[in-house]
Protein backbone atom coordinates (compact mmCIF):
# COMPACT_ATOMS: atom_id res chain seq x y z
CA MET A 1 0.00 0.00 0.00
CA ASN A 2 1.20 3.54 -0.76
CA ASN A 3 1.97 6.09 1.94
CA ILE A 4 -0.81 6.21 4.52
CA TYR A 5 -1.53 9.75 5.69
CA ASP A 6 -2.80 10.36 9.18
CA LEU A 7 -5.40 12.72 7.72
CA ILE A 8 -6.61 13.74 4.30
CA ILE A 9 -8.81 16.81 3.96
CA ILE A 10 -10.96 16.97 0.83
CA GLY A 11 -11.48 20.63 0.01
CA GLY A 12 -9.25 23.69 0.36
CA GLY A 13 -11.74 26.36 1.43
CA PRO A 14 -11.83 28.08 4.85
CA ALA A 15 -12.94 24.90 6.67
CA GLY A 16 -10.31 22.74 4.97
CA LEU A 17 -7.50 25.25 5.50
CA SER A 18 -8.42 25.75 9.16
CA ALA A 19 -8.53 21.99 9.67
CA GLY A 20 -5.13 21.69 7.99
CA LEU A 21 -3.60 24.35 10.21
CA TYR A 22 -4.81 22.66 13.41
CA ALA A 23 -3.88 19.19 12.16
CA GLY A 24 -0.42 20.39 11.18
CA ARG A 25 0.12 21.93 14.60
CA ALA A 26 -0.94 18.61 16.11
CA MET A 27 1.85 16.98 14.05
CA LEU A 28 -0.51 14.86 11.97
CA ASN A 29 0.82 13.85 8.55
CA THR A 30 -1.80 15.83 6.62
CA LEU A 31 -2.71 16.26 2.94
CA ILE A 32 -5.27 18.70 1.54
CA ILE A 33 -6.76 17.78 -1.83
CA GLU A 34 -8.41 20.62 -3.74
CA LYS A 35 -9.77 20.10 -7.25
CA LYS A 36 -9.70 23.73 -8.33
CA GLN A 37 -8.16 26.73 -6.59
CA VAL A 38 -7.29 26.80 -2.90
CA GLY A 39 -9.65 29.15 -1.07
CA GLY A 40 -13.08 27.92 -2.15
CA GLN A 41 -15.99 30.22 -2.93
CA ILE A 42 -14.61 33.07 -0.82
CA ILE A 43 -11.94 33.85 -3.43
CA THR A 44 -14.69 35.43 -5.55
CA THR A 45 -15.50 37.94 -2.77
CA SER A 46 -13.95 41.34 -3.26
CA GLU A 47 -14.35 42.60 0.30
CA VAL A 48 -14.40 40.87 3.69
CA VAL A 49 -15.21 43.10 6.65
CA ASN A 50 -16.78 40.66 9.15
CA TYR A 51 -13.90 38.34 9.97
CA PRO A 52 -12.85 38.96 13.60
CA GLY A 53 -9.48 40.62 14.01
CA ILE A 54 -9.22 41.71 10.38
CA ARG A 55 -11.07 44.96 9.80
CA LYS A 56 -11.01 44.78 6.03
CA THR A 57 -9.46 42.50 3.43
CA SER A 58 -10.31 40.66 0.23
CA GLY A 59 -11.36 37.04 -0.09
CA PRO A 60 -8.25 36.02 -2.08
CA ALA A 61 -5.90 37.78 0.37
CA LEU A 62 -7.49 36.15 3.42
CA MET A 63 -7.40 32.69 1.84
CA GLU A 64 -3.77 33.09 0.76
CA GLU A 65 -2.82 33.86 4.37
CA MET A 66 -4.67 30.76 5.59
CA HIS A 67 -3.02 28.72 2.85
CA GLN A 68 0.46 29.87 3.86
CA GLN A 69 -0.31 29.25 7.56
CA ALA A 70 -1.24 25.65 6.85
CA LYS A 71 1.93 25.13 4.80
CA ASP A 72 4.00 26.69 7.58
CA PHE A 73 2.93 23.77 9.77
CA GLY A 74 3.96 21.13 7.25
CA VAL A 75 0.62 20.46 5.54
CA SER A 76 0.94 19.13 1.98
CA PHE A 77 -1.31 20.22 -0.88
CA VAL A 78 -2.24 18.54 -4.15
CA SER A 79 -4.49 19.62 -7.00
CA ASP A 80 -6.72 16.67 -7.84
CA GLU A 81 -10.37 15.64 -7.99
CA ILE A 82 -11.58 12.67 -5.98
CA LYS A 83 -13.98 10.58 -8.04
CA GLN A 84 -14.59 7.60 -5.70
CA VAL A 85 -14.26 6.90 -1.98
CA ASP A 86 -14.12 3.75 0.14
CA PHE A 87 -14.70 4.36 3.84
CA SER A 88 -15.39 0.71 4.70
CA GLY A 89 -11.98 -0.18 6.15
CA GLU A 90 -9.81 1.11 8.95
CA VAL A 91 -7.69 2.72 6.21
CA LYS A 92 -9.78 5.07 4.09
CA ARG A 93 -9.30 5.00 0.32
CA LEU A 94 -9.76 7.99 -1.98
CA ILE A 95 -9.55 7.52 -5.75
CA SER A 96 -8.99 10.07 -8.52
CA ASP A 97 -8.22 9.65 -12.20
CA LYS A 98 -4.55 10.17 -11.35
CA GLN A 99 -3.96 7.97 -8.32
CA GLU A 100 -5.24 6.52 -5.05
CA TYR A 101 -4.77 8.10 -1.64
CA PHE A 102 -4.84 6.29 1.72
CA CYS A 103 -5.41 7.71 5.19
CA ARG A 104 -6.61 6.86 8.68
CA ALA A 105 -9.06 9.77 8.93
CA VAL A 106 -10.85 11.95 6.41
CA ILE A 107 -12.28 15.44 6.81
CA ILE A 108 -14.82 16.26 4.12
CA ALA A 109 -14.76 20.03 3.52
CA THR A 110 -16.01 20.25 -0.07
CA GLY A 111 -18.30 23.18 0.73
CA ALA A 112 -21.19 24.27 -1.43
CA GLN A 113 -21.73 25.64 -4.93
CA PRO A 114 -23.88 28.61 -5.99
CA ARG A 115 -27.46 27.47 -6.41
CA LYS A 116 -29.19 28.05 -9.72
CA ILE A 117 -32.82 29.01 -9.30
CA GLY A 118 -34.18 27.42 -12.47
CA PHE A 119 -36.31 30.27 -13.79
CA SER A 120 -37.03 30.41 -17.51
CA GLY A 121 -34.01 31.80 -19.39
CA GLU A 122 -31.45 31.24 -16.64
CA GLU A 123 -29.48 28.58 -18.51
CA GLU A 124 -29.91 30.17 -21.94
CA PHE A 125 -28.44 33.52 -20.84
CA THR A 126 -25.70 32.33 -18.51
CA GLY A 127 -22.59 34.14 -19.74
CA ARG A 128 -24.68 36.54 -21.81
CA GLY A 129 -26.40 38.47 -19.05
CA VAL A 130 -26.80 36.01 -16.19
CA ALA A 131 -23.81 35.76 -13.87
CA TYR A 132 -22.88 34.37 -10.46
CA CYS A 133 -19.64 36.19 -9.58
CA ALA A 134 -19.63 39.96 -9.15
CA THR A 135 -15.84 40.13 -8.85
CA CYS A 136 -15.31 38.23 -12.10
CA ASP A 137 -18.06 39.75 -14.23
CA GLY A 138 -19.14 43.04 -12.68
CA GLU A 139 -17.02 45.20 -14.99
CA PHE A 140 -18.84 43.85 -18.07
CA PHE A 141 -21.97 45.67 -16.91
CA THR A 142 -20.41 49.07 -16.43
CA GLY A 143 -23.02 51.75 -17.11
CA LEU A 144 -25.86 49.21 -17.39
CA ASP A 145 -28.76 48.33 -15.14
CA ILE A 146 -28.09 45.36 -12.87
CA PHE A 147 -30.51 43.09 -11.01
CA VAL A 148 -29.34 41.10 -7.98
CA ILE A 149 -31.41 38.03 -7.11
CA GLY A 150 -31.36 37.14 -3.41
CA GLY A 151 -31.60 38.68 0.02
CA GLY A 152 -28.87 36.96 2.04
CA TYR A 153 -25.34 38.00 2.97
CA ALA A 154 -23.84 37.34 -0.44
CA ALA A 155 -26.61 39.16 -2.30
CA ALA A 156 -26.41 42.21 -0.03
CA GLU A 157 -22.63 42.46 -0.13
CA GLU A 158 -22.39 41.90 -3.87
CA ALA A 159 -25.19 44.37 -4.59
CA MET A 160 -23.14 47.05 -2.85
CA PHE A 161 -20.04 45.99 -4.77
CA LEU A 162 -21.90 46.12 -8.09
CA THR A 163 -22.89 49.76 -7.56
CA ARG A 164 -19.37 50.70 -8.63
CA TYR A 165 -20.21 49.36 -12.11
CA GLY A 166 -23.96 49.49 -12.63
CA LYS A 167 -26.02 52.52 -13.51
CA ASN A 168 -28.65 51.28 -11.09
CA VAL A 169 -28.80 48.11 -8.99
CA THR A 170 -32.16 46.49 -8.21
CA MET A 171 -32.47 43.72 -5.63
CA ILE A 172 -35.13 41.05 -6.14
CA ILE A 173 -35.89 39.35 -2.80
CA ARG A 174 -38.49 36.61 -2.60
CA GLU A 175 -38.88 36.97 1.20
CA PRO A 176 -40.60 39.90 2.93
CA ASP A 177 -37.20 41.13 4.15
CA PHE A 178 -33.47 40.50 3.98
CA THR A 179 -32.23 37.24 5.49
CA CYS A 180 -28.83 38.64 6.49
CA ALA A 181 -27.77 40.71 9.51
CA LYS A 182 -29.77 43.89 10.05
CA SER A 183 -26.59 46.02 9.96
CA ILE A 184 -25.81 44.88 6.42
CA ALA A 185 -29.44 45.17 5.29
CA ASP A 186 -29.66 48.70 6.67
CA LYS A 187 -26.48 49.65 4.83
CA VAL A 188 -27.99 48.41 1.56
CA ARG A 189 -31.27 50.22 2.21
CA SER A 190 -29.39 53.47 2.83
CA MET A 191 -27.81 53.48 -0.64
CA ASP A 192 -29.51 55.76 -3.14
CA ASN A 193 -28.55 53.71 -6.19
CA ILE A 194 -30.03 50.43 -4.92
CA THR A 195 -33.75 49.69 -5.35
CA ILE A 196 -35.32 46.78 -3.47
CA HIS A 197 -38.38 44.66 -4.34
CA TYR A 198 -39.54 42.30 -1.59
CA ASN A 199 -41.81 39.25 -2.05
CA THR A 200 -40.65 39.21 -5.66
CA GLU A 201 -39.23 36.50 -7.93
CA VAL A 202 -37.91 36.20 -11.48
CA LYS A 203 -40.54 34.78 -13.77
CA GLU A 204 -38.76 34.84 -17.12
CA LEU A 205 -35.76 36.23 -18.97
CA SER A 206 -35.77 36.72 -22.73
CA GLY A 207 -33.75 38.24 -25.55
CA ASP A 208 -31.72 37.27 -28.59
CA ASP A 209 -27.93 36.96 -28.40
CA LEU A 210 -28.03 39.12 -25.29
CA LEU A 211 -30.46 39.53 -22.43
CA LYS A 212 -33.14 42.07 -23.38
CA GLN A 213 -36.09 41.64 -21.05
CA ALA A 214 -36.96 40.35 -17.58
CA THR A 215 -40.40 39.69 -16.08
CA PHE A 216 -40.88 39.61 -12.32
CA VAL A 217 -43.82 38.52 -10.20
CA ASN A 218 -44.94 39.44 -6.69
CA ASN A 219 -45.43 36.12 -4.93
CA GLN A 220 -48.07 37.59 -2.61
CA THR A 221 -50.30 39.50 -5.02
CA GLY A 222 -49.47 37.78 -8.32
CA GLU A 223 -48.81 41.18 -9.89
CA THR A 224 -46.11 41.20 -12.59
CA PHE A 225 -43.85 43.87 -14.02
CA THR A 226 -41.41 43.79 -16.92
CA TYR A 227 -38.06 45.49 -17.41
CA THR A 228 -36.81 46.04 -20.98
CA ALA A 229 -33.31 47.20 -21.85
CA SER A 230 -33.19 50.59 -23.52
CA GLU A 231 -32.09 51.01 -27.13
CA GLU A 232 -28.99 52.78 -25.86
CA ASP A 233 -27.98 50.05 -23.38
CA GLN A 234 -29.00 47.02 -25.50
CA THR A 235 -28.75 44.70 -22.49
CA PHE A 236 -28.51 44.47 -18.68
CA GLY A 237 -27.23 42.10 -16.01
CA VAL A 238 -28.80 39.57 -13.66
CA PHE A 239 -26.56 38.34 -10.83
CA VAL A 240 -27.88 35.33 -8.95
CA PHE A 241 -26.98 34.95 -5.25
CA ALA A 242 -29.66 32.54 -4.12
CA GLY A 243 -27.66 30.55 -1.62
CA TYR A 244 -25.69 27.39 -2.12
CA GLU A 245 -26.18 23.67 -2.48
CA PRO A 246 -23.77 21.24 -0.78
CA SER A 247 -21.11 19.52 -2.87
CA THR A 248 -21.75 16.10 -1.39
CA ALA A 249 -23.03 13.89 -4.24
CA LEU A 250 -19.80 11.87 -4.12
CA PHE A 251 -20.55 10.74 -0.56
CA LYS A 252 -24.25 9.93 -0.96
CA ASP A 253 -23.95 6.16 -0.59
CA HIS A 254 -21.15 6.23 1.98
CA ILE A 255 -22.34 8.45 4.84
CA LYS A 256 -25.67 9.81 6.04
CA LEU A 257 -27.02 12.94 4.37
CA ASP A 258 -30.22 14.82 5.08
CA ASP A 259 -32.99 15.32 2.52
CA TYR A 260 -31.21 18.38 1.11
CA GLY A 261 -27.83 16.68 0.67
CA TYR A 262 -26.15 18.16 3.76
CA ILE A 263 -23.90 15.84 5.79
CA LEU A 264 -25.24 14.93 9.23
CA THR A 265 -22.74 15.09 12.12
CA ASP A 266 -22.62 15.04 15.91
CA GLU A 267 -21.37 17.98 17.96
CA ASN A 268 -17.76 16.91 17.35
CA LEU A 269 -18.43 16.79 13.58
CA ASN A 270 -18.22 13.00 13.32
CA THR A 271 -20.37 11.44 10.61
CA ASN A 272 -21.99 8.03 11.09
CA VAL A 273 -18.79 6.37 9.79
CA PRO A 274 -15.86 6.23 12.24
CA GLY A 275 -12.92 8.30 11.07
CA VAL A 276 -14.97 10.31 8.59
CA ILE A 277 -15.57 13.88 9.72
CA ALA A 278 -17.34 16.80 8.00
CA ALA A 279 -16.74 20.54 8.30
CA GLY A 280 -18.00 23.75 6.76
CA ASP A 281 -20.96 24.80 4.66
CA LEU A 282 -21.90 21.22 3.73
CA ARG A 283 -23.39 20.68 7.22
CA PRO A 284 -26.87 21.79 8.33
CA LYS A 285 -26.31 25.04 10.25
CA ILE A 286 -27.99 28.34 11.00
CA LEU A 287 -25.13 30.47 9.65
CA ARG A 288 -22.77 29.85 6.74
CA GLN A 289 -19.91 32.32 6.98
CA ILE A 290 -16.12 32.18 6.90
CA VAL A 291 -15.96 32.34 10.68
CA THR A 292 -18.27 29.33 11.15
CA SER A 293 -16.37 27.31 8.55
CA VAL A 294 -13.07 28.11 10.23
CA ALA A 295 -14.51 27.05 13.59
CA ASP A 296 -15.73 23.81 12.05
CA GLY A 297 -12.27 23.15 10.63
CA ALA A 298 -10.61 23.54 14.02
CA ILE A 299 -13.09 21.22 15.73
CA ALA A 300 -12.82 18.67 12.92
CA ALA A 301 -9.01 18.60 13.19
CA ILE A 302 -9.10 18.00 16.94
CA THR A 303 -11.65 15.21 16.42
CA ALA A 304 -9.44 13.68 13.74
CA GLU A 305 -6.35 13.92 15.95
CA ARG A 306 -8.09 11.97 18.75
CA TYR A 307 -9.40 9.36 16.33
CA VAL A 308 -5.98 8.80 14.73
CA ALA A 309 -4.25 8.56 18.11
CA ASP A 310 -6.79 5.99 19.33
CA GLU A 311 -6.46 3.97 16.12
CA LYS A 312 -2.67 3.86 16.31
CA GLU A 313 -2.79 2.84 19.94
CA ARG A 314 -5.35 0.13 19.18
CA LEU A 315 -3.27 -1.22 16.31
CA GLY A 316 0.03 -0.90 18.12
CA ILE A 317 1.42 1.45 15.49
CA THR A 318 4.30 3.71 16.38
CA ASP A 319 4.09 7.15 14.84
CA GLU A 320 5.14 6.84 11.18
CA SER A 321 5.70 10.55 10.77
CA LYS A 322 8.61 12.53 12.13
CA PRO A 323 7.55 14.98 14.85
CA VAL A 324 7.80 18.62 13.96
CA SER A 325 8.96 20.77 16.86
CA LYS A 326 8.15 24.04 15.18
CA PRO A 327 6.43 25.29 12.03
CA LYS A 328 8.47 24.58 8.94
CA GLU A 329 8.66 26.16 5.51
CA THR A 330 7.33 23.96 2.72
CA GLN A 331 7.67 24.26 -1.03
CA LYS A 332 5.10 26.62 -2.43
CA ASN A 333 2.42 25.38 -4.79
CA LEU A 334 3.39 26.78 -8.18
CA THR A 335 0.00 28.31 -8.93
CA GLU A 336 0.00 30.11 -5.56
CA SER A 337 3.67 31.08 -5.45
CA VAL A 338 3.33 34.41 -7.22
CA LYS A 339 1.60 37.16 -5.28
CA GLN A 340 -0.45 39.73 -7.14
CA PRO A 341 1.57 42.80 -8.13
CA SER A 342 -0.87 45.04 -6.27
CA ASP A 343 0.28 43.42 -3.01
CA GLU A 344 3.85 44.59 -3.44
CA LYS A 345 5.65 47.90 -3.25
CA GLN A 346 6.18 49.01 -6.81
CA ASN A 347 9.63 49.53 -8.33
CA ASN A 348 9.33 51.82 -11.32
CA THR A 349 12.95 51.26 -12.37
CA ALA A 350 11.86 47.96 -13.96
CA HIS A 351 8.18 48.10 -14.83
CA PRO A 352 5.10 49.22 -12.84
CA LEU A 353 3.94 45.58 -12.59
CA TRP A 354 7.33 44.26 -11.42
CA SER A 355 8.57 44.88 -7.89
CA ASP A 356 11.80 43.56 -6.40
CA PRO A 357 10.05 41.02 -4.13
CA LEU A 358 7.88 39.83 -7.01
CA MET A 359 10.90 39.36 -9.26
CA GLU A 360 12.60 37.30 -6.57
CA GLN A 361 9.51 35.10 -6.22
CA VAL A 362 9.32 34.51 -9.95
CA ARG A 363 13.07 33.89 -10.18
CA GLY A 364 12.65 31.12 -7.61
CA VAL A 365 9.96 29.42 -9.69
CA LEU A 366 11.88 29.83 -12.95
CA ALA A 367 14.97 28.23 -11.41
CA SER A 368 13.35 24.87 -12.25
CA LEU A 369 13.42 25.53 -16.01
CA ASN A 370 15.65 23.07 -17.86
CA LYS A 371 14.89 23.89 -21.51
CA ASN A 372 15.02 27.08 -23.53
CA VAL A 373 11.89 29.03 -24.42
CA THR A 374 11.64 32.05 -26.70
CA LEU A 375 9.02 34.76 -26.24
CA VAL A 376 8.15 36.71 -29.39
CA THR A 377 6.27 39.98 -29.24
CA ILE A 378 5.26 42.32 -32.05
CA VAL A 379 5.29 45.99 -31.10
CA ASP A 380 3.18 48.78 -32.54
CA SER A 381 4.61 52.06 -31.28
CA GLN A 382 1.16 53.63 -31.64
CA ASN A 383 -0.35 50.99 -29.36
CA GLU A 384 0.39 51.95 -25.73
CA LYS A 385 -0.44 48.49 -24.37
CA SER A 386 1.79 46.84 -26.96
CA VAL A 387 4.74 48.97 -25.84
CA SER A 388 3.92 48.30 -22.19
CA LEU A 389 3.85 44.53 -22.79
CA LYS A 390 7.27 44.73 -24.44
CA ASP A 391 8.64 46.60 -21.42
CA TRP A 392 7.08 44.04 -19.07
CA LEU A 393 8.62 41.13 -21.01
CA THR A 394 12.14 42.59 -20.95
CA VAL A 395 12.39 41.71 -17.26
CA LEU A 396 12.00 37.95 -17.82
CA PRO A 397 15.35 37.09 -19.49
CA ASN A 398 17.02 38.55 -16.41
CA LEU A 399 15.16 36.05 -14.22
CA SER A 400 16.22 32.89 -16.10
CA SER A 401 19.00 32.03 -18.53
CA HIS A 402 16.53 29.73 -20.32
CA ILE A 403 14.22 32.59 -21.39
CA PHE A 404 14.91 34.52 -24.58
CA LEU A 405 12.97 37.49 -25.92
CA GLU A 406 12.56 38.55 -29.54
CA VAL A 407 10.98 41.95 -30.23
CA TYR A 408 9.89 43.05 -33.71
CA GLU A 409 8.31 46.28 -34.81
CA LYS A 410 5.02 45.68 -36.54
CA GLY A 411 5.52 45.12 -40.27
CA THR A 412 9.30 44.56 -40.10
CA ASN A 413 9.18 40.76 -40.07
CA PRO A 414 6.06 39.53 -41.89
CA ASP A 415 7.29 35.93 -41.79
CA ILE A 416 7.33 35.76 -38.01
CA GLU A 417 4.02 37.64 -37.82
CA THR A 418 2.48 35.02 -40.09
CA LYS A 419 4.11 32.19 -38.16
CA ILE A 420 2.60 33.26 -34.82
CA GLU A 421 -0.58 34.74 -36.35
CA ALA A 422 0.06 38.17 -34.85
CA THR A 423 -3.25 39.75 -35.84
CA LEU A 424 -4.12 41.31 -32.47
CA LEU A 425 -1.86 43.44 -30.28
CA PRO A 426 -0.59 43.49 -27.59
CA MET A 427 0.58 39.91 -28.06
CA VAL A 428 3.33 37.54 -26.98
CA ALA A 429 3.82 34.03 -28.41
CA PHE A 430 5.78 31.07 -27.00
CA LEU A 431 8.34 29.16 -29.10
CA ASP A 432 9.84 25.91 -27.84
CA GLU A 433 13.58 25.09 -27.67
CA SER A 434 13.65 24.25 -31.40
CA GLY A 435 12.04 27.57 -32.33
CA THR A 436 8.68 25.99 -33.17
CA TYR A 437 5.55 28.00 -32.41
CA THR A 438 3.69 26.11 -29.66
CA GLY A 439 0.26 27.59 -30.23
CA VAL A 440 0.46 29.41 -26.88
CA LYS A 441 -0.23 33.14 -26.90
CA PHE A 442 -1.22 35.94 -24.54
CA CYS A 443 -3.07 38.92 -25.98
CA GLY A 444 -2.80 41.36 -23.12
CA ILE A 445 -0.41 42.13 -20.29
CA PRO A 446 -0.49 39.14 -17.91
CA GLY A 447 -0.90 41.07 -14.68
CA GLY A 448 -3.37 40.38 -11.90
CA HIS A 449 -4.33 36.72 -11.61
CA GLU A 450 -3.05 35.97 -15.12
CA LEU A 451 0.54 36.30 -13.95
CA ASN A 452 0.06 32.79 -12.57
CA SER A 453 -1.05 31.37 -15.92
CA PHE A 454 1.90 33.05 -17.65
CA ILE A 455 4.45 31.58 -15.22
CA LEU A 456 2.70 28.22 -15.50
CA ALA A 457 3.08 28.37 -19.29
CA LEU A 458 6.82 28.82 -18.88
CA TYR A 459 7.01 26.03 -16.28
CA ASN A 460 4.97 23.58 -18.36
CA LEU A 461 6.82 24.32 -21.61
CA ALA A 462 10.42 24.71 -20.41
CA GLY A 463 10.39 23.08 -16.99
CA PRO A 464 9.32 19.81 -15.37
CA GLY A 465 5.67 20.64 -16.03
CA GLN A 466 2.61 19.84 -13.95
CA ALA A 467 1.63 16.21 -13.54
CA LEU A 468 -0.94 15.00 -16.07
CA ASP A 469 -2.61 11.60 -15.88
CA GLU A 470 -2.35 9.19 -18.79
CA LYS A 471 -6.06 9.29 -19.60
CA ALA A 472 -6.05 13.07 -20.09
CA LEU A 473 -2.84 12.86 -22.12
CA ARG A 474 -4.36 10.28 -24.46
CA GLN A 475 -7.47 12.44 -24.89
CA ILE A 476 -5.35 15.46 -25.79
CA GLN A 477 -3.19 13.54 -28.24
CA ALA A 478 -6.33 12.15 -29.93
CA ILE A 479 -7.36 15.63 -31.18
CA ASP A 480 -6.87 15.20 -34.93
CA LYS A 481 -8.21 18.46 -36.35
CA LYS A 482 -7.03 22.06 -36.29
CA VAL A 483 -8.65 24.00 -33.46
CA ASN A 484 -8.33 27.63 -32.45
CA LEU A 485 -9.21 28.54 -28.87
CA LYS A 486 -9.54 32.05 -27.51
CA ILE A 487 -9.87 32.23 -23.74
CA ALA A 488 -11.67 35.46 -22.85
CA ILE A 489 -10.69 36.63 -19.37
CA SER A 490 -10.67 39.57 -17.02
CA LEU A 491 -7.64 40.19 -14.82
CA SER A 492 -9.86 40.25 -11.71
CA CYS A 493 -11.26 36.76 -12.33
CA THR A 494 -9.89 34.12 -9.95
CA PHE A 495 -11.16 31.19 -12.05
CA CYS A 496 -9.71 32.36 -15.39
CA PRO A 497 -6.03 31.40 -14.85
CA ASP A 498 -6.86 27.70 -14.39
CA VAL A 499 -8.81 27.64 -17.66
CA VAL A 500 -6.06 29.54 -19.49
CA ALA A 501 -3.40 27.15 -18.16
CA ALA A 502 -5.48 24.11 -19.16
CA CYS A 503 -5.99 25.37 -22.73
CA HIS A 504 -2.32 26.24 -23.06
CA ARG A 505 -1.32 22.80 -21.80
CA ILE A 506 -3.49 21.21 -24.48
CA ALA A 507 -1.83 23.39 -27.15
CA MET A 508 1.66 22.46 -25.93
CA LEU A 509 0.83 18.76 -26.16
CA ASN A 510 -0.96 18.80 -29.51
CA PRO A 511 0.20 20.89 -32.51
CA ASN A 512 -3.35 20.95 -33.87
CA VAL A 513 -4.42 23.31 -31.09
CA GLU A 514 -3.77 27.03 -30.76
CA ALA A 515 -4.80 28.72 -27.49
CA THR A 516 -4.76 32.47 -26.91
CA MET A 517 -5.51 34.26 -23.67
CA MET A 518 -7.43 37.45 -24.42
CA ASP A 519 -7.93 40.28 -21.92
CA LEU A 520 -11.44 41.38 -22.91
CA SER A 521 -10.89 44.88 -21.56
CA LEU A 522 -8.45 45.43 -24.46
CA PHE A 523 -10.61 43.85 -27.15
CA PRO A 524 -14.17 45.20 -26.90
CA ASP A 525 -14.83 44.08 -30.49
CA ILE A 526 -14.33 40.44 -29.43
CA LYS A 527 -16.59 40.96 -26.42
CA ASN A 528 -19.31 42.51 -28.57
CA LYS A 529 -18.99 40.08 -31.46
CA PHE A 530 -19.51 37.03 -29.25
CA LYS A 531 -21.83 38.77 -26.76
CA ILE A 532 -19.61 37.78 -23.83
CA MET A 533 -20.82 39.05 -20.45
CA SER A 534 -19.09 36.51 -18.20
CA VAL A 535 -15.64 34.97 -17.89
CA PRO A 536 -13.87 32.67 -18.34
CA ALA A 537 -15.29 32.06 -21.81
CA ILE A 538 -13.63 29.74 -24.35
CA ILE A 539 -14.31 30.58 -27.99
CA LYS A 540 -13.70 27.63 -30.33
CA ASP A 541 -12.96 28.39 -33.99
CA ASP A 542 -14.68 31.78 -33.66
CA SER A 543 -18.06 30.09 -33.38
CA LYS A 544 -18.89 27.97 -30.33
CA LEU A 545 -18.59 29.20 -26.73
CA LEU A 546 -18.06 27.46 -23.39
CA PHE A 547 -18.52 29.48 -20.21
CA GLY A 548 -17.23 28.89 -16.71
CA SER A 549 -14.46 27.09 -14.86
CA LYS A 550 -13.58 23.86 -16.71
CA THR A 551 -11.11 21.01 -16.34
CA ILE A 552 -8.77 19.79 -19.08
CA GLU A 553 -11.10 16.84 -19.68
CA GLU A 554 -14.11 19.12 -20.10
CA ILE A 555 -12.19 21.38 -22.49
CA VAL A 556 -11.05 18.42 -24.61
CA GLU A 557 -14.65 17.20 -24.76
CA PHE A 558 -15.69 20.69 -25.95
CA ILE A 559 -12.95 20.65 -28.60
CA GLN A 560 -14.11 17.26 -29.90
CA GLN A 561 -17.76 18.33 -30.27
């Protein structure tokens, strides 16, 4: 049998990270498995002001601190998706497409996903008017009317956030009042640019390529009213914050769930199966907030520690793991190793988006490169962003001897422009060690969250590369037709980098695929042509679209359609 962990935590949100921190401090050999991005749903929240001891921060910043704390205490992290579980034995078995994991105790902290309401038009206009993440998609509705569906914490907080973009924000609340704290509700009610309709629900959305009309109904009187986008605006936004549904389908036949899919536990967070513990928003509870998830994580870790100790004593097992007398530094997860430039003191002697600490962080990651990579950018001196990208790129060869930069003025080298299909600027293309165009491009300056996808592209092309299971590799290699992918992103979107990295990985592994990251703020014509109002959005061959966070397998399936 492979290495048996003391504890595996499924899920890297607040509950999972808190559990990891406490388990690490208790010297348990602990692994956290997260299928997407560490931090959970909170990384889509722009402002956190109700976490005790921290007056104001952002969701991503708070989760990064928790992430680093857990790693400080020796907790390991892996990006993977568990597809099957076996809790029947004294050693628990977790199975993904990549491998099997074994442990003595499991903490399930998979959280909950935004709930879709199911009104007419919701599915049809998702990505073209209907959205679920204000941080990711709010900017697309600048100067437009915005409707927020819901009356809880998330709806109230995001409605206030959306006022910075929307012309007017209207809240549609099916209850007779808000369901969040009175202090937050009162703050919303005090804002002049927010209108509130109580006892009201969405009846239907309609339109053509974009959302044009919404009909609402009062659930007490039956009275309806209709909103129609003006000729000037053409469209509007509907943001749905109608609560969450637990991500527990995987565990349905293995532990007890209630009628709504929430995991049932005792006061110590034990499930009905010994050694299986649950924490966070997937439990029935009166309040689902970061602070309650963090509390759950701490309790769950202490419960797991006691269970593991009892099991080892019962089985006569001496501690397999080496004790840790103090917190230790662990290797940073590549996708989390680069802080956002806005977090650092700027150093204008290099480039506004490069600071000295940031350059040192990136240099550490790029030290693992073992092959040469050439970056090619075409510069139009009349295009400010094109010049800025060139300046940004000039820093990289100084951070690794394996990185080379070629800069050409627009029109001076038509052969290379044709080779890398340099039709949109700003643009940088990746060539492999033989000088072959890899199909990987960035149209935009990869700041914000996209810095991670850019560094990942270098790591995957010229370094050891991220692990990829054989099944996914075979699916990628089976693509036998030319495919062009454009990944429409915004630099504020926390889900976009994973999709960009996945598409780029596919392009690196199959010469039939070209994948270009596109910052939509720089290419409004692309946004308007494809009626994109939500990111990430993958455009295939300038015709079909796929919205939302997707895995490599899901993207390959989309390509093959």
